[in-house]
Amino acid sequence: MNRISVRKQSGFSLIEIMVVVVIISVLAGLIAPNIIGKAAEARVTAAKVDLKSIAQSLDAYKLDNFHYPSSDQGLQALITQPDGSPSAKNWRKGGYIQGKNVPKDPWGLEYQYLSPGVDGPYDLYSLGADGREGGEDDNADVSVWDES
């Protein structure tokens, strides 16, 4: 009696692989547009959170020194005491923002500060993704005074 050895082959057929690829493609097509749109939203939200934190630091500076830093002193006055400024004699040891630098906006640019501001005691804003005044959508400026 001859023994014929039959090996059982295992693996995936071409049809099974194609079905998996189609399923992954459909899922990617449904999920990707939702994720891509959220990145820009997340940056705007992060900028608003940073701006509100900096605004609280500016308010603390004002409580101690009875005025906001000037435009010339800028936001750096929240980190280091302005040199030769008798008006910052009550400056808080350790500063008003943790760290050695004023944070940058989510696009890697400096936050803009102007005191006195156009419509308030100061203007504090990010120039948005394009780094220029104005703009729409992702390129729009984000201000501390923006709602939400």
Protein backbone atom coordinates (compact mmCIF):
# COMPACT_ATOMS: atom_id res chain seq x y z
CA MET A 1 0.00 0.00 0.00
CA ASN A 2 1.49 3.25 -1.13
CA ARG A 3 1.08 6.14 1.03
CA ILE A 4 0.48 9.33 -0.79
CA SER A 5 1.15 12.21 1.42
CA VAL A 6 -1.24 15.05 0.98
CA ARG A 7 -0.19 18.29 2.52
CA LYS A 8 -2.89 20.57 3.65
CA GLN A 9 -2.09 24.07 2.54
CA SER A 10 -3.11 26.97 4.67
CA GLY A 11 -3.30 30.67 3.87
CA PHE A 12 -5.66 33.24 2.50
CA SER A 13 -7.14 33.16 -0.93
CA LEU A 14 -6.98 36.15 -3.23
CA ILE A 15 -10.71 36.75 -2.74
CA GLU A 16 -10.35 36.88 1.05
CA ILE A 17 -7.49 39.38 0.80
CA MET A 18 -9.48 41.55 -1.61
CA VAL A 19 -12.48 41.58 0.73
CA VAL A 20 -10.30 42.76 3.62
CA VAL A 21 -8.72 45.49 1.47
CA VAL A 22 -12.17 46.72 0.37
CA ILE A 23 -13.41 46.82 3.98
CA ILE A 24 -10.34 48.77 5.12
CA SER A 25 -10.74 51.19 2.19
CA VAL A 26 -14.40 51.83 2.99
CA LEU A 27 -13.60 52.46 6.66
CA ALA A 28 -10.74 54.81 5.76
CA GLY A 29 -13.02 56.68 3.36
CA LEU A 30 -15.60 57.20 6.09
CA ILE A 31 -13.25 58.09 8.94
CA ALA A 32 -10.47 60.11 7.26
CA PRO A 33 -12.56 63.20 6.34
CA ASN A 34 -13.74 63.50 9.93
CA ILE A 35 -10.23 63.31 11.35
CA ILE A 36 -8.64 65.69 8.83
CA GLY A 37 -11.14 68.45 9.60
CA LYS A 38 -10.58 68.15 13.34
CA ALA A 39 -6.86 69.04 13.26
CA ALA A 40 -7.56 72.65 12.29
CA GLU A 41 -10.33 72.88 14.89
CA ALA A 42 -8.01 71.51 17.55
CA ARG A 43 -5.39 74.18 16.79
CA VAL A 44 -7.96 76.97 17.09
CA THR A 45 -9.20 75.52 20.38
CA ALA A 46 -5.63 75.23 21.69
CA ALA A 47 -4.97 78.87 20.74
CA LYS A 48 -8.11 80.00 22.60
CA VAL A 49 -7.05 78.07 25.71
CA ASP A 50 -3.54 79.59 25.56
CA LEU A 51 -4.95 83.07 25.08
CA LYS A 52 -7.26 82.73 28.08
CA SER A 53 -4.36 81.50 30.20
CA ILE A 54 -2.19 84.43 29.11
CA ALA A 55 -5.10 86.82 29.78
CA GLN A 56 -5.35 85.48 33.34
CA SER A 57 -1.62 86.09 33.75
CA LEU A 58 -2.06 89.64 32.43
CA ASP A 59 -4.86 90.21 34.94
CA ALA A 60 -2.64 88.96 37.78
CA TYR A 61 0.11 91.32 36.58
CA LYS A 62 -2.38 94.19 36.66
CA LEU A 63 -3.53 93.30 40.17
CA ASP A 64 0.06 93.49 41.41
CA ASN A 65 1.22 96.50 39.38
CA PHE A 66 -2.05 98.44 38.79
CA HIS A 67 -1.64 98.39 35.00
CA TYR A 68 -1.04 95.97 32.14
CA PRO A 69 2.42 95.68 30.59
CA SER A 70 3.02 98.20 27.82
CA SER A 71 3.27 97.13 24.20
CA ASP A 72 7.01 97.76 24.39
CA GLN A 73 7.36 95.47 27.42
CA GLY A 74 5.14 92.92 25.71
CA LEU A 75 4.27 89.50 27.06
CA GLN A 76 7.89 89.04 28.14
CA ALA A 77 6.96 91.17 31.17
CA LEU A 78 5.05 88.13 32.42
CA ILE A 79 8.29 86.10 32.47
CA THR A 80 10.95 88.61 33.54
CA GLN A 81 10.58 91.86 35.42
CA PRO A 82 10.87 94.81 33.04
CA ASP A 83 14.24 96.55 33.49
CA GLY A 84 14.20 100.02 34.98
CA SER A 85 10.43 100.08 35.29
CA PRO A 86 9.33 101.64 38.56
CA SER A 87 5.77 100.84 37.53
CA ALA A 88 6.50 97.10 37.93
CA LYS A 89 7.84 97.37 41.48
CA ASN A 90 5.30 94.85 42.75
CA TRP A 91 6.26 92.30 40.12
CA ARG A 92 5.69 88.77 41.42
CA LYS A 93 8.87 86.79 42.08
CA GLY A 94 8.88 83.84 39.68
CA GLY A 95 6.77 85.67 37.11
CA TYR A 96 3.23 85.16 35.94
CA ILE A 97 3.78 82.35 33.44
CA GLN A 98 5.67 79.17 34.18
CA GLY A 99 8.68 78.53 32.02
CA LYS A 100 11.38 80.65 30.49
CA ASN A 101 9.49 81.67 27.38
CA VAL A 102 6.07 82.97 26.46
CA PRO A 103 4.25 80.09 24.73
CA LYS A 104 3.90 80.18 20.97
CA ASP A 105 0.61 79.64 19.20
CA PRO A 106 -0.24 76.19 17.76
CA TRP A 107 1.21 77.28 14.39
CA GLY A 108 4.59 78.08 15.99
CA LEU A 109 4.20 81.87 15.87
CA GLU A 110 4.35 84.51 18.61
CA TYR A 111 1.09 85.67 20.16
CA GLN A 112 0.43 89.32 19.38
CA TYR A 113 -0.02 91.81 22.25
CA LEU A 114 -0.91 95.50 22.11
CA SER A 115 -1.61 97.69 25.13
CA PRO A 116 -3.74 99.71 25.18
CA GLY A 117 -5.88 97.76 22.77
CA VAL A 118 -8.18 98.99 20.06
CA ASP A 119 -11.40 97.88 21.77
CA GLY A 120 -10.25 97.10 25.31
CA PRO A 121 -7.42 97.42 27.80
CA TYR A 122 -5.25 95.25 25.52
CA ASP A 123 -5.40 93.20 22.34
CA LEU A 124 -4.14 89.63 22.57
CA TYR A 125 -4.43 87.38 19.54
CA SER A 126 -2.88 84.82 17.22
CA LEU A 127 -2.49 85.51 13.52
CA GLY A 128 -3.74 82.02 12.65
CA ALA A 129 -2.29 79.49 10.23
CA ASP A 130 -1.14 82.03 7.62
CA GLY A 131 0.69 84.30 10.09
CA ARG A 132 -0.96 87.42 8.62
CA GLU A 133 -3.66 89.77 9.88
CA GLY A 134 -7.19 88.82 8.89
CA GLY A 135 -7.99 85.72 6.92
CA GLU A 136 -10.77 83.18 6.86
CA ASP A 137 -11.26 79.63 8.12
CA ASP A 138 -7.89 78.19 9.27
CA ASN A 139 -6.16 81.47 8.43
CA ALA A 140 -8.47 83.60 10.60
CA ASP A 141 -7.04 85.47 13.57
CA VAL A 142 -7.92 84.07 16.99
CA SER A 143 -8.48 86.66 19.71
CA VAL A 144 -8.76 86.39 23.45
CA TRP A 145 -12.03 88.27 23.10
CA ASP A 146 -13.55 85.70 20.70
CA GLU A 147 -16.60 83.94 22.04
CA SER A 148 -16.63 80.23 23.02
